[in-house]
PDB file of N, CA and C in Angstrom:
ATOM      1  N   UNK A   1      61.267 115.476 109.808  1.00  0.00           N
ATOM      2  CA  UNK A   1      60.334 114.351 109.966  1.00  0.00           C
ATOM      3  C   UNK A   1      60.688 113.407 108.947  1.00  0.00           C
ATOM      4  N   UNK A   2      60.599 112.127 109.273  1.00  0.00           N
ATOM      5  CA  UNK A   2      60.874 111.016 108.200  1.00  0.00           C
ATOM      6  C   UNK A   2      59.525 110.427 107.819  1.00  0.00           C
ATOM      7  N   UNK A   3      59.087 110.717 106.617  1.00  0.00           N
ATOM      8  CA  UNK A   3      57.835 110.047 106.185  1.00  0.00           C
ATOM      9  C   UNK A   3      57.840 108.540 106.335  1.00  0.00           C
ATOM     10  N   UNK A   4      58.990 107.885 106.068  1.00  0.00           N
ATOM     11  CA  UNK A   4      59.036 106.382 106.177  1.00  0.00           C
ATOM     12  C   UNK A   4      58.917 105.973 107.552  1.00  0.00           C
ATOM     13  N   UNK A   5      59.611 106.653 108.508  1.00  0.00           N
ATOM     14  CA  UNK A   5      59.477 106.251 109.839  1.00  0.00           C
ATOM     15  C   UNK A   5      58.102 106.479 110.453  1.00  0.00           C
ATOM     16  N   UNK A   6      57.477 107.632 110.055  1.00  0.00           N
ATOM     17  CA  UNK A   6      56.139 107.908 110.497  1.00  0.00           C
ATOM     18  C   UNK A   6      55.116 106.812 109.943  1.00  0.00           C
ATOM     19  N   UNK A   7      55.256 106.495 108.669  1.00  0.00           N
ATOM     20  CA  UNK A   7      54.512 105.351 108.253  1.00  0.00           C
ATOM     21  C   UNK A   7      54.762 104.003 108.928  1.00  0.00           C
ATOM     22  N   UNK A   8      55.953 103.791 109.286  1.00  0.00           N
ATOM     23  CA  UNK A   8      56.363 102.560 109.955  1.00  0.00           C
ATOM     24  C   UNK A   8      55.818 102.573 111.377  1.00  0.00           C
ATOM     25  N   UNK A   9      56.032 103.703 112.094  1.00  0.00           N
ATOM     26  CA  UNK A   9      55.374 103.838 113.480  1.00  0.00           C
ATOM     27  C   UNK A   9      53.837 103.624 113.520  1.00  0.00           C
ATOM     28  N   UNK A  10      53.239 104.229 112.475  1.00  0.00           N
ATOM     29  CA  UNK A  10      51.719 104.099 112.463  1.00  0.00           C
ATOM     30  C   UNK A  10      51.397 102.519 112.220  1.00  0.00           C
ATOM     31  N   UNK A  11      52.059 101.869 111.353  1.00  0.00           N
ATOM     32  CA  UNK A  11      51.819 100.502 111.051  1.00  0.00           C
ATOM     33  C   UNK A  11      52.154  99.622 112.238  1.00  0.00           C
ATOM     34  N   UNK A  12      53.130  99.716 112.914  1.00  0.00           N
ATOM     35  CA  UNK A  12      53.767  98.802 113.909  1.00  0.00           C
ATOM     36  C   UNK A  12      52.891  99.102 115.224  1.00  0.00           C
ATOM     37  N   UNK A  13      52.679 100.295 115.596  1.00  0.00           N
ATOM     38  CA  UNK A  13      52.055 100.498 116.925  1.00  0.00           C
ATOM     39  C   UNK A  13      50.684 101.012 116.728  1.00  0.00           C
ATOM     40  N   UNK A  14      50.064 101.045 115.618  1.00  0.00           N
ATOM     41  CA  UNK A  14      48.761 101.434 115.362  1.00  0.00           C
ATOM     42  C   UNK A  14      48.372 102.739 116.037  1.00  0.00           C
ATOM     43  N   UNK A  15      49.023 103.891 115.335  1.00  0.00           N
ATOM     44  CA  UNK A  15      48.881 105.139 115.852  1.00  0.00           C
ATOM     45  C   UNK A  15      48.152 106.152 114.774  1.00  0.00           C
ATOM     46  N   UNK A  16      47.629 107.233 115.305  1.00  0.00           N
ATOM     47  CA  UNK A  16      47.169 108.143 114.455  1.00  0.00           C
ATOM     48  C   UNK A  16      48.371 108.872 113.792  1.00  0.00           C
ATOM     49  N   UNK A  17      48.045 109.517 112.732  1.00  0.00           N
ATOM     50  CA  UNK A  17      49.039 110.299 112.094  1.00  0.00           C
ATOM     51  C   UNK A  17      49.776 111.222 112.998  1.00  0.00           C
ATOM     52  N   UNK A  18      48.880 111.863 113.905  1.00  0.00           N
ATOM     53  CA  UNK A  18      49.592 112.920 114.669  1.00  0.00           C
ATOM     54  C   UNK A  18      50.367 112.316 115.820  1.00  0.00           C
ATOM     55  N   UNK A  19      49.977 111.196 116.319  1.00  0.00           N
ATOM     56  CA  UNK A  19      50.858 110.482 117.343  1.00  0.00           C
ATOM     57  C   UNK A  19      52.081 110.028 116.725  1.00  0.00           C
ATOM     58  N   UNK A  20      52.093 109.523 115.491  1.00  0.00           N
ATOM     59  CA  UNK A  20      53.343 109.063 114.914  1.00  0.00           C
ATOM     60  C   UNK A  20      54.231 110.227 114.560  1.00  0.00           C
ATOM     61  N   UNK A  21      53.624 111.351 114.186  1.00  0.00           N
ATOM     62  CA  UNK A  21      54.488 112.572 113.924  1.00  0.00           C
ATOM     63  C   UNK A  21      55.163 113.042 115.247  1.00  0.00           C
ATOM     64  N   UNK A  22      54.348 112.969 116.438  1.00  0.00           N
ATOM     65  CA  UNK A  22      54.870 113.301 117.684  1.00  0.00           C
ATOM     66  C   UNK A  22      56.032 112.463 118.143  1.00  0.00           C
ATOM     67  N   UNK A  23      55.883 111.273 117.838  1.00  0.00           N
ATOM     68  CA  UNK A  23      56.977 110.268 118.332  1.00  0.00           C
ATOM     69  C   UNK A  23      58.184 110.425 117.456  1.00  0.00           C
ATOM     70  N   UNK A  24      58.047 110.772 116.104  1.00  0.00           N
ATOM     71  CA  UNK A  24      59.167 110.942 115.200  1.00  0.00           C
ATOM     72  C   UNK A  24      59.866 112.198 115.700  1.00  0.00           C
ATOM     73  N   UNK A  25      59.125 113.158 116.090  1.00  0.00           N
ATOM     74  CA  UNK A  25      59.805 114.395 116.555  1.00  0.00           C
ATOM     75  C   UNK A  25      60.669 114.138 117.889  1.00  0.00           C
ATOM     76  N   UNK A  26      60.077 113.263 118.704  1.00  0.00           N
ATOM     77  CA  UNK A  26      60.786 112.945 119.846  1.00  0.00           C
ATOM     78  C   UNK A  26      62.094 112.151 119.494  1.00  0.00           C
ATOM     79  N   UNK A  27      61.944 111.195 118.632  1.00  0.00           N
ATOM     80  CA  UNK A  27      63.160 110.457 118.142  1.00  0.00           C
ATOM     81  C   UNK A  27      64.123 111.275 117.488  1.00  0.00           C
ATOM     82  N   UNK A  28      63.805 112.268 116.861  1.00  0.00           N
ATOM     83  CA  UNK A  28      64.821 113.212 116.445  1.00  0.00           C
ATOM     84  C   UNK A  28      65.475 113.993 117.591  1.00  0.00           C
ATOM     85  N   UNK A  29      64.623 114.479 118.504  1.00  0.00           N
ATOM     86  CA  UNK A  29      65.045 115.358 119.636  1.00  0.00           C
ATOM     87  C   UNK A  29      65.985 114.613 120.528  1.00  0.00           C
ATOM     88  N   UNK A  30      65.667 113.195 120.733  1.00  0.00           N
ATOM     89  CA  UNK A  30      66.480 112.483 121.778  1.00  0.00           C
ATOM     90  C   UNK A  30      67.950 112.319 121.526  1.00  0.00           C
ATOM     91  N   UNK A  31      68.258 112.500 120.330  1.00  0.00           N
ATOM     92  CA  UNK A  31      69.692 112.429 119.940  1.00  0.00           C
ATOM     93  C   UNK A  31      70.608 113.655 120.340  1.00  0.00           C
ATOM     94  N   UNK A  32      69.829 114.754 120.817  1.00  0.00           N
ATOM     95  CA  UNK A  32      70.548 116.021 121.012  1.00  0.00           C
ATOM     96  C   UNK A  32      70.410 116.313 122.575  1.00  0.00           C
ATOM     97  N   UNK A  33      69.910 115.388 123.507  1.00  0.00           N
ATOM     98  CA  UNK A  33      69.729 115.646 124.789  1.00  0.00           C
ATOM     99  C   UNK A  33      70.623 114.843 125.749  1.00  0.00           C
ATOM    100  N   UNK A  34      70.639 115.197 126.907  1.00  0.00           N
ATOM    101  CA  UNK A  34      71.334 114.491 128.012  1.00  0.00           C
ATOM    102  C   UNK A  34      70.605 113.399 128.555  1.00  0.00           C
ATOM    103  N   UNK A  35      71.203 112.534 129.460  1.00  0.00           N
ATOM    104  CA  UNK A  35      70.611 111.435 130.012  1.00  0.00           C
ATOM    105  C   UNK A  35      69.217 111.487 130.513  1.00  0.00           C
ATOM    106  N   UNK A  36      69.060 112.414 131.565  1.00  0.00           N
ATOM    107  CA  UNK A  36      67.803 112.633 132.223  1.00  0.00           C
ATOM    108  C   UNK A  36      66.749 112.936 131.232  1.00  0.00           C
ATOM    109  N   UNK A  37      66.971 113.733 130.267  1.00  0.00           N
ATOM    110  CA  UNK A  37      65.970 114.155 129.306  1.00  0.00           C
ATOM    111  C   UNK A  37      65.704 113.119 128.238  1.00  0.00           C
ATOM    112  N   UNK A  38      66.734 112.284 128.018  1.00  0.00           N
ATOM    113  CA  UNK A  38      66.459 111.154 127.105  1.00  0.00           C
ATOM    114  C   UNK A  38      65.454 110.255 127.847  1.00  0.00           C
ATOM    115  N   UNK A  39      65.574 109.944 129.082  1.00  0.00           N
ATOM    116  CA  UNK A  39      64.599 109.028 129.861  1.00  0.00           C
ATOM    117  C   UNK A  39      63.239 109.754 129.812  1.00  0.00           C
ATOM    118  N   UNK A  40      63.227 111.035 130.033  1.00  0.00           N
ATOM    119  CA  UNK A  40      61.863 111.683 129.940  1.00  0.00           C
ATOM    120  C   UNK A  40      61.158 111.593 128.625  1.00  0.00           C
ATOM    121  N   UNK A  41      61.959 111.592 127.583  1.00  0.00           N
ATOM    122  CA  UNK A  41      61.372 111.625 126.291  1.00  0.00           C
ATOM    123  C   UNK A  41      60.978 110.150 126.035  1.00  0.00           C
ATOM    124  N   UNK A  42      61.701 109.186 126.492  1.00  0.00           N
ATOM    125  CA  UNK A  42      61.258 107.772 126.355  1.00  0.00           C
ATOM    126  C   UNK A  42      59.968 107.433 127.120  1.00  0.00           C
ATOM    127  N   UNK A  43      59.712 108.171 128.215  1.00  0.00           N
ATOM    128  CA  UNK A  43      58.500 107.937 129.034  1.00  0.00           C
ATOM    129  C   UNK A  43      57.319 108.527 128.305  1.00  0.00           C
ATOM    130  N   UNK A  44      57.518 109.669 127.609  1.00  0.00           N
ATOM    131  CA  UNK A  44      56.376 110.305 126.776  1.00  0.00           C
ATOM    132  C   UNK A  44      56.115 109.309 125.611  1.00  0.00           C
ATOM    133  N   UNK A  45      57.199 108.784 125.075  1.00  0.00           N
ATOM    134  CA  UNK A  45      56.906 107.827 123.850  1.00  0.00           C
ATOM    135  C   UNK A  45      56.142 106.622 124.379  1.00  0.00           C
ATOM    136  N   UNK A  46      56.671 106.237 125.486  1.00  0.00           N
ATOM    137  CA  UNK A  46      55.929 104.903 126.101  1.00  0.00           C
ATOM    138  C   UNK A  46      54.532 105.026 126.290  1.00  0.00           C
ATOM    139  N   UNK A  47      54.154 106.261 126.830  1.00  0.00           N
ATOM    140  CA  UNK A  47      52.707 106.594 126.885  1.00  0.00           C
ATOM    141  C   UNK A  47      51.810 106.527 125.639  1.00  0.00           C
ATOM    142  N   UNK A  48      52.583 106.980 124.645  1.00  0.00           N
ATOM    143  CA  UNK A  48      51.890 107.048 123.391  1.00  0.00           C
ATOM    144  C   UNK A  48      51.810 105.565 122.571  1.00  0.00           C
ATOM    145  N   UNK A  49      52.753 104.775 122.880  1.00  0.00           N
ATOM    146  CA  UNK A  49      52.647 103.376 122.316  1.00  0.00           C
ATOM    147  C   UNK A  49      52.192 102.235 123.200  1.00  0.00           C
ATOM    148  N   UNK A  50      51.761 102.650 124.483  1.00  0.00           N
ATOM    149  CA  UNK A  50      51.155 101.778 125.441  1.00  0.00           C
ATOM    150  C   UNK A  50      52.248 100.881 126.056  1.00  0.00           C
ATOM    151  N   UNK A  51      53.376 101.479 126.347  1.00  0.00           N
ATOM    152  CA  UNK A  51      54.495 100.624 126.956  1.00  0.00           C
ATOM    153  C   UNK A  51      54.352 100.551 128.499  1.00  0.00           C
ATOM    154  N   UNK A  52      54.881  99.490 129.061  1.00  0.00           N
ATOM    155  CA  UNK A  52      54.711  99.319 130.599  1.00  0.00           C
ATOM    156  C   UNK A  52      55.682 100.048 131.353  1.00  0.00           C
ATOM    157  N   UNK A  53      56.950 100.095 130.900  1.00  0.00           N
ATOM    158  CA  UNK A  53      58.011 100.756 131.742  1.00  0.00           C
ATOM    159  C   UNK A  53      59.214 101.033 130.815  1.00  0.00           C
ATOM    160  N   UNK A  54      60.154 101.743 131.183  1.00  0.00           N
ATOM    161  CA  UNK A  54      61.387 101.960 130.618  1.00  0.00           C
ATOM    162  C   UNK A  54      62.473 101.024 131.330  1.00  0.00           C
ATOM    163  N   UNK A  55      63.068 100.151 130.515  1.00  0.00           N
ATOM    164  CA  UNK A  55      63.961  99.257 131.165  1.00  0.00           C
ATOM    165  C   UNK A  55      65.419  99.494 130.445  1.00  0.00           C
ATOM    166  N   UNK A  56      66.434  98.935 131.016  1.00  0.00           N
ATOM    167  CA  UNK A  56      67.746  99.059 130.551  1.00  0.00           C
ATOM    168  C   UNK A  56      68.290  97.722 130.169  1.00  0.00           C
ATOM    169  N   UNK A  57      69.348  97.937 129.276  1.00  0.00           N
ATOM    170  CA  UNK A  57      70.125  96.782 128.835  1.00  0.00           C
ATOM    171  C   UNK A  57      71.602  97.164 129.217  1.00  0.00           C
ATOM    172  N   UNK A  58      72.206  96.218 129.959  1.00  0.00           N
ATOM    173  CA  UNK A  58      73.483  96.545 130.555  1.00  0.00           C
ATOM    174  C   UNK A  58      74.608  95.701 129.913  1.00  0.00           C
ATOM    175  N   UNK A  59      75.737  96.347 129.722  1.00  0.00           N
ATOM    176  CA  UNK A  59      76.945  95.630 129.266  1.00  0.00           C
ATOM    177  C   UNK A  59      77.934  95.667 130.414  1.00  0.00           C
ATOM    178  N   UNK A  60      79.177  95.398 130.068  1.00  0.00           N
ATOM    179  CA  UNK A  60      80.209  95.229 131.092  1.00  0.00           C
ATOM    180  C   UNK A  60      81.240  96.429 131.027  1.00  0.00           C
ATOM    181  N   UNK A  61      81.023  97.393 130.157  1.00  0.00           N
ATOM    182  CA  UNK A  61      81.907  98.561 130.088  1.00  0.00           C
ATOM    183  C   UNK A  61      81.202  99.762 130.473  1.00  0.00           C
ATOM    184  N   UNK A  62      81.959 100.681 130.972  1.00  0.00           N
ATOM    185  CA  UNK A  62      81.502 101.976 131.444  1.00  0.00           C
ATOM    186  C   UNK A  62      81.395 102.891 130.211  1.00  0.00           C
ATOM    187  N   UNK A  63      80.349 103.685 130.033  1.00  0.00           N
ATOM    188  CA  UNK A  63      80.256 104.564 128.969  1.00  0.00           C
ATOM    189  C   UNK A  63      80.163 106.068 129.486  1.00  0.00           C
ATOM    190  N   UNK A  64      79.528 106.324 130.476  1.00  0.00           N
ATOM    191  CA  UNK A  64      79.562 107.812 130.940  1.00  0.00           C
ATOM    192  C   UNK A  64      79.121 107.795 132.524  1.00  0.00           C
ATOM    193  N   UNK A  65      79.183 108.960 133.051  1.00  0.00           N
ATOM    194  CA  UNK A  65      78.955 109.126 134.422  1.00  0.00           C
ATOM    195  C   UNK A  65      77.403 108.925 134.494  1.00  0.00           C
ATOM    196  N   UNK A  66      76.611 109.355 133.656  1.00  0.00           N
ATOM    197  CA  UNK A  66      75.191 109.162 133.808  1.00  0.00           C
ATOM    198  C   UNK A  66      74.738 107.732 133.430  1.00  0.00           C
ATOM    199  N   UNK A  67      75.114 107.339 132.347  1.00  0.00           N
ATOM    200  CA  UNK A  67      74.627 106.039 131.927  1.00  0.00           C
ATOM    201  C   UNK A  67      75.367 104.847 132.441  1.00  0.00           C
ATOM    202  N   UNK A  68      76.506 104.942 132.961  1.00  0.00           N
ATOM    203  CA  UNK A  68      77.364 103.865 133.654  1.00  0.00           C
ATOM    204  C   UNK A  68      77.464 102.763 132.535  1.00  0.00           C
ATOM    205  N   UNK A  69      77.072 101.426 132.941  1.00  0.00           N
ATOM    206  CA  UNK A  69      77.160 100.408 132.070  1.00  0.00           C
ATOM    207  C   UNK A  69      75.902 100.039 131.191  1.00  0.00           C
ATOM    208  N   UNK A  70      74.972 101.030 131.227  1.00  0.00           N
ATOM    209  CA  UNK A  70      73.823 100.926 130.458  1.00  0.00           C
ATOM    210  C   UNK A  70      74.088 101.116 128.947  1.00  0.00           C
ATOM    211  N   UNK A  71      73.793 100.023 128.140  1.00  0.00           N
ATOM    212  CA  UNK A  71      74.097 100.143 126.635  1.00  0.00           C
ATOM    213  C   UNK A  71      72.770 100.679 126.019  1.00  0.00           C
ATOM    214  N   UNK A  72      71.545 100.475 126.518  1.00  0.00           N
ATOM    215  CA  UNK A  72      70.487 100.969 125.768  1.00  0.00           C
ATOM    216  C   UNK A  72      69.305 101.090 126.900  1.00  0.00           C
ATOM    217  N   UNK A  73      68.238 101.877 126.505  1.00  0.00           N
ATOM    218  CA  UNK A  73      67.100 101.900 127.261  1.00  0.00           C
ATOM    219  C   UNK A  73      66.052 101.670 126.177  1.00  0.00           C
ATOM    220  N   UNK A  74      64.953 100.936 126.727  1.00  0.00           N
ATOM    221  CA  UNK A  74      63.811 100.606 125.795  1.00  0.00           C
ATOM    222  C   UNK A  74      62.598 100.623 126.433  1.00  0.00           C
ATOM    223  N   UNK A  75      61.452 100.645 125.646  1.00  0.00           N
ATOM    224  CA  UNK A  75      60.130 100.646 126.235  1.00  0.00           C
ATOM    225  C   UNK A  75      59.702  99.232 126.279  1.00  0.00           C
ATOM    226  N   UNK A  76      59.357  98.740 127.521  1.00  0.00           N
ATOM    227  CA  UNK A  76      59.002  97.368 127.692  1.00  0.00           C
ATOM    228  C   UNK A  76      57.537  97.232 127.235  1.00  0.00           C
ATOM    229  N   UNK A  77      57.300  96.396 126.224  1.00  0.00           N
ATOM    230  CA  UNK A  77      55.976  96.261 125.616  1.00  0.00           C
ATOM    231  C   UNK A  77      55.334  94.778 126.086  1.00  0.00           C
ATOM    232  N   UNK A  78      56.013  94.050 126.889  1.00  0.00           N
ATOM    233  CA  UNK A  78      55.576  92.958 127.504  1.00  0.00           C
ATOM    234  C   UNK A  78      56.232  91.679 127.085  1.00  0.00           C
ATOM    235  N   UNK A  79      56.923  91.558 125.995  1.00  0.00           N
ATOM    236  CA  UNK A  79      57.525  90.381 125.433  1.00  0.00           C
ATOM    237  C   UNK A  79      58.840  90.755 124.782  1.00  0.00           C
ATOM    238  N   UNK A  80      59.739  90.027 124.959  1.00  0.00           N
ATOM    239  CA  UNK A  80      61.271  90.168 124.404  1.00  0.00           C
ATOM    240  C   UNK A  80      61.266  90.463 123.009  1.00  0.00           C
ATOM    241  N   UNK A  81      60.316  89.916 122.182  1.00  0.00           N
ATOM    242  CA  UNK A  81      60.314  90.100 120.663  1.00  0.00           C
ATOM    243  C   UNK A  81      58.968  91.030 120.233  1.00  0.00           C
ATOM    244  N   UNK A  82      58.478  91.682 121.168  1.00  0.00           N
ATOM    245  CA  UNK A  82      57.489  92.758 120.767  1.00  0.00           C
ATOM    246  C   UNK A  82      58.252  93.966 120.134  1.00  0.00           C
ATOM    247  N   UNK A  83      57.784  94.601 119.109  1.00  0.00           N
ATOM    248  CA  UNK A  83      58.391  95.744 118.623  1.00  0.00           C
ATOM    249  C   UNK A  83      58.324  96.860 119.720  1.00  0.00           C
ATOM    250  N   UNK A  84      59.368  97.677 119.716  1.00  0.00           N
ATOM    251  CA  UNK A  84      59.378  98.716 120.669  1.00  0.00           C
ATOM    252  C   UNK A  84      60.405  99.834 120.108  1.00  0.00           C
ATOM    253  N   UNK A  85      60.486 100.801 120.914  1.00  0.00           N
ATOM    254  CA  UNK A  85      61.551 101.851 120.587  1.00  0.00           C
ATOM    255  C   UNK A  85      62.590 101.800 121.634  1.00  0.00           C
ATOM    256  N   UNK A  86      63.834 101.689 121.148  1.00  0.00           N
ATOM    257  CA  UNK A  86      64.969 101.571 121.875  1.00  0.00           C
ATOM    258  C   UNK A  86      65.910 102.694 121.720  1.00  0.00           C
ATOM    259  N   UNK A  87      66.580 103.179 122.713  1.00  0.00           N
ATOM    260  CA  UNK A  87      67.624 104.243 122.518  1.00  0.00           C
ATOM    261  C   UNK A  87      69.002 103.733 122.955  1.00  0.00           C
ATOM    262  N   UNK A  88      69.827 103.612 121.905  1.00  0.00           N
ATOM    263  CA  UNK A  88      71.247 103.080 122.174  1.00  0.00           C
ATOM    264  C   UNK A  88      72.026 104.297 122.735  1.00  0.00           C
ATOM    265  N   UNK A  89      72.445 104.171 124.146  1.00  0.00           N
ATOM    266  CA  UNK A  89      73.095 105.256 124.863  1.00  0.00           C
ATOM    267  C   UNK A  89      74.536 105.497 124.388  1.00  0.00           C
ATOM    268  N   UNK A  90      75.130 104.489 123.601  1.00  0.00           N
ATOM    269  CA  UNK A  90      76.385 104.590 123.029  1.00  0.00           C
ATOM    270  C   UNK A  90      76.473 105.435 122.004  1.00  0.00           C
ATOM    271  N   UNK A  91      75.612 105.117 121.084  1.00  0.00           N
ATOM    272  CA  UNK A  91      75.425 105.836 119.752  1.00  0.00           C
ATOM    273  C   UNK A  91      74.521 106.983 119.753  1.00  0.00           C
ATOM    274  N   UNK A  92      73.757 107.127 120.738  1.00  0.00           N
ATOM    275  CA  UNK A  92      72.661 108.108 120.820  1.00  0.00           C
ATOM    276  C   UNK A  92      71.623 108.004 119.769  1.00  0.00           C
ATOM    277  N   UNK A  93      71.440 106.784 119.382  1.00  0.00           N
ATOM    278  CA  UNK A  93      70.424 106.580 118.181  1.00  0.00           C
ATOM    279  C   UNK A  93      69.166 105.911 118.736  1.00  0.00           C
ATOM    280  N   UNK A  94      68.095 106.450 118.382  1.00  0.00           N
ATOM    281  CA  UNK A  94      66.807 105.714 118.712  1.00  0.00           C
ATOM    282  C   UNK A  94      66.473 104.806 117.537  1.00  0.00           C
ATOM    283  N   UNK A  95      65.800 103.741 117.871  1.00  0.00           N
ATOM    284  CA  UNK A  95      65.578 102.789 116.718  1.00  0.00           C
ATOM    285  C   UNK A  95      64.145 102.141 117.114  1.00  0.00           C
ATOM    286  N   UNK A  96      63.529 101.507 115.935  1.00  0.00           N
ATOM    287  CA  UNK A  96      62.465 100.749 116.295  1.00  0.00           C
ATOM    288  C   UNK A  96      62.936  99.287 115.919  1.00  0.00           C
ATOM    289  N   UNK A  97      62.832  98.425 117.021  1.00  0.00           N
ATOM    290  CA  UNK A  97      63.392  97.045 116.958  1.00  0.00           C
ATOM    291  C   UNK A  97      62.754  96.342 118.063  1.00  0.00           C
ATOM    292  N   UNK A  98      63.214  95.130 118.399  1.00  0.00           N
ATOM    293  CA  UNK A  98      62.751  94.543 119.631  1.00  0.00           C
ATOM    294  C   UNK A  98      63.999  94.389 120.484  1.00  0.00           C
ATOM    295  N   UNK A  99      63.772  94.269 121.835  1.00  0.00           N
ATOM    296  CA  UNK A  99      64.862  94.126 122.762  1.00  0.00           C
ATOM    297  C   UNK A  99      65.727  92.902 122.506  1.00  0.00           C
ATOM    298  N   UNK A 100      65.043  91.753 122.172  1.00  0.00           N
ATOM    299  CA  UNK A 100      65.718  90.520 121.857  1.00  0.00           C
ATOM    300  C   UNK A 100      66.654  90.607 120.657  1.00  0.00           C
ATOM    301  N   UNK A 101      66.148  91.204 119.548  1.00  0.00           N
ATOM    302  CA  UNK A 101      66.808  91.383 118.331  1.00  0.00           C
ATOM    303  C   UNK A 101      68.108  92.302 118.715  1.00  0.00           C
ATOM    304  N   UNK A 102      67.999  93.364 119.392  1.00  0.00           N
ATOM    305  CA  UNK A 102      69.037  94.285 119.685  1.00  0.00           C
ATOM    306  C   UNK A 102      70.182  93.426 120.514  1.00  0.00           C
ATOM    307  N   UNK A 103      69.766  92.729 121.457  1.00  0.00           N
ATOM    308  CA  UNK A 103      70.734  92.003 122.332  1.00  0.00           C
ATOM    309  C   UNK A 103      71.402  91.001 121.447  1.00  0.00           C
ATOM    310  N   UNK A 104      70.799  90.252 120.560  1.00  0.00           N
ATOM    311  CA  UNK A 104      71.345  89.204 119.723  1.00  0.00           C
ATOM    312  C   UNK A 104      72.351  89.943 118.866  1.00  0.00           C
ATOM    313  N   UNK A 105      71.999  90.995 118.210  1.00  0.00           N
ATOM    314  CA  UNK A 105      72.898  91.641 117.294  1.00  0.00           C
ATOM    315  C   UNK A 105      74.122  92.370 117.913  1.00  0.00           C
ATOM    316  N   UNK A 106      73.978  92.632 119.170  1.00  0.00           N
ATOM    317  CA  UNK A 106      74.925  93.496 119.921  1.00  0.00           C
ATOM    318  C   UNK A 106      75.634  92.973 121.080  1.00  0.00           C
ATOM    319  N   UNK A 107      75.417  91.711 121.244  1.00  0.00           N
ATOM    320  CA  UNK A 107      75.973  90.997 122.540  1.00  0.00           C
ATOM    321  C   UNK A 107      77.434  91.146 122.505  1.00  0.00           C
ATOM    322  N   UNK A 108      78.165  90.621 121.299  1.00  0.00           N
ATOM    323  CA  UNK A 108      79.582  90.698 121.389  1.00  0.00           C
ATOM    324  C   UNK A 108      80.173  92.144 121.410  1.00  0.00           C
ATOM    325  N   UNK A 109      79.538  93.178 120.713  1.00  0.00           N
ATOM    326  CA  UNK A 109      80.040  94.521 120.704  1.00  0.00           C
ATOM    327  C   UNK A 109      80.030  95.138 122.069  1.00  0.00           C
ATOM    328  N   UNK A 110      78.884  94.821 122.821  1.00  0.00           N
ATOM    329  CA  UNK A 110      78.891  95.452 124.153  1.00  0.00           C
ATOM    330  C   UNK A 110      79.076  94.504 125.245  1.00  0.00           C
ATOM    331  N   UNK A 111      79.227  93.347 124.983  1.00  0.00           N
ATOM    332  CA  UNK A 111      79.358  92.297 125.983  1.00  0.00           C
ATOM    333  C   UNK A 111      78.033  92.374 127.048  1.00  0.00           C
ATOM    334  N   UNK A 112      76.881  92.285 126.418  1.00  0.00           N
ATOM    335  CA  UNK A 112      75.685  92.493 127.225  1.00  0.00           C
ATOM    336  C   UNK A 112      75.427  91.478 128.175  1.00  0.00           C
ATOM    337  N   UNK A 113      75.058  91.804 129.446  1.00  0.00           N
ATOM    338  CA  UNK A 113      74.816  90.859 130.547  1.00  0.00           C
ATOM    339  C   UNK A 113      73.488  90.313 130.459  1.00  0.00           C
TER     340      UNK A 113
END
């Protein structure tokens, strides 16, 4: 468990300590699972942070049979620049960011559509 990440989760998403710990555990676990399981973990996190749906960010290169051209999946919080949890399918790294910031930072790297 990452104390700093738990504190950040609690602050950004206004969570209880237990909810933040649960999300932290999911964010650690998601790095070790396959595609379908990663989506299920993101759905569980979405319920905890009040997300609307799981959305994808697509590029123009193929990464795997499961993910296809999906660069990342993220929890839709209603606005492009709302803080959310995003899972980069290429690096298998979960992160706290905004969808807009991720696209701006990675557009050239992944040729995001």
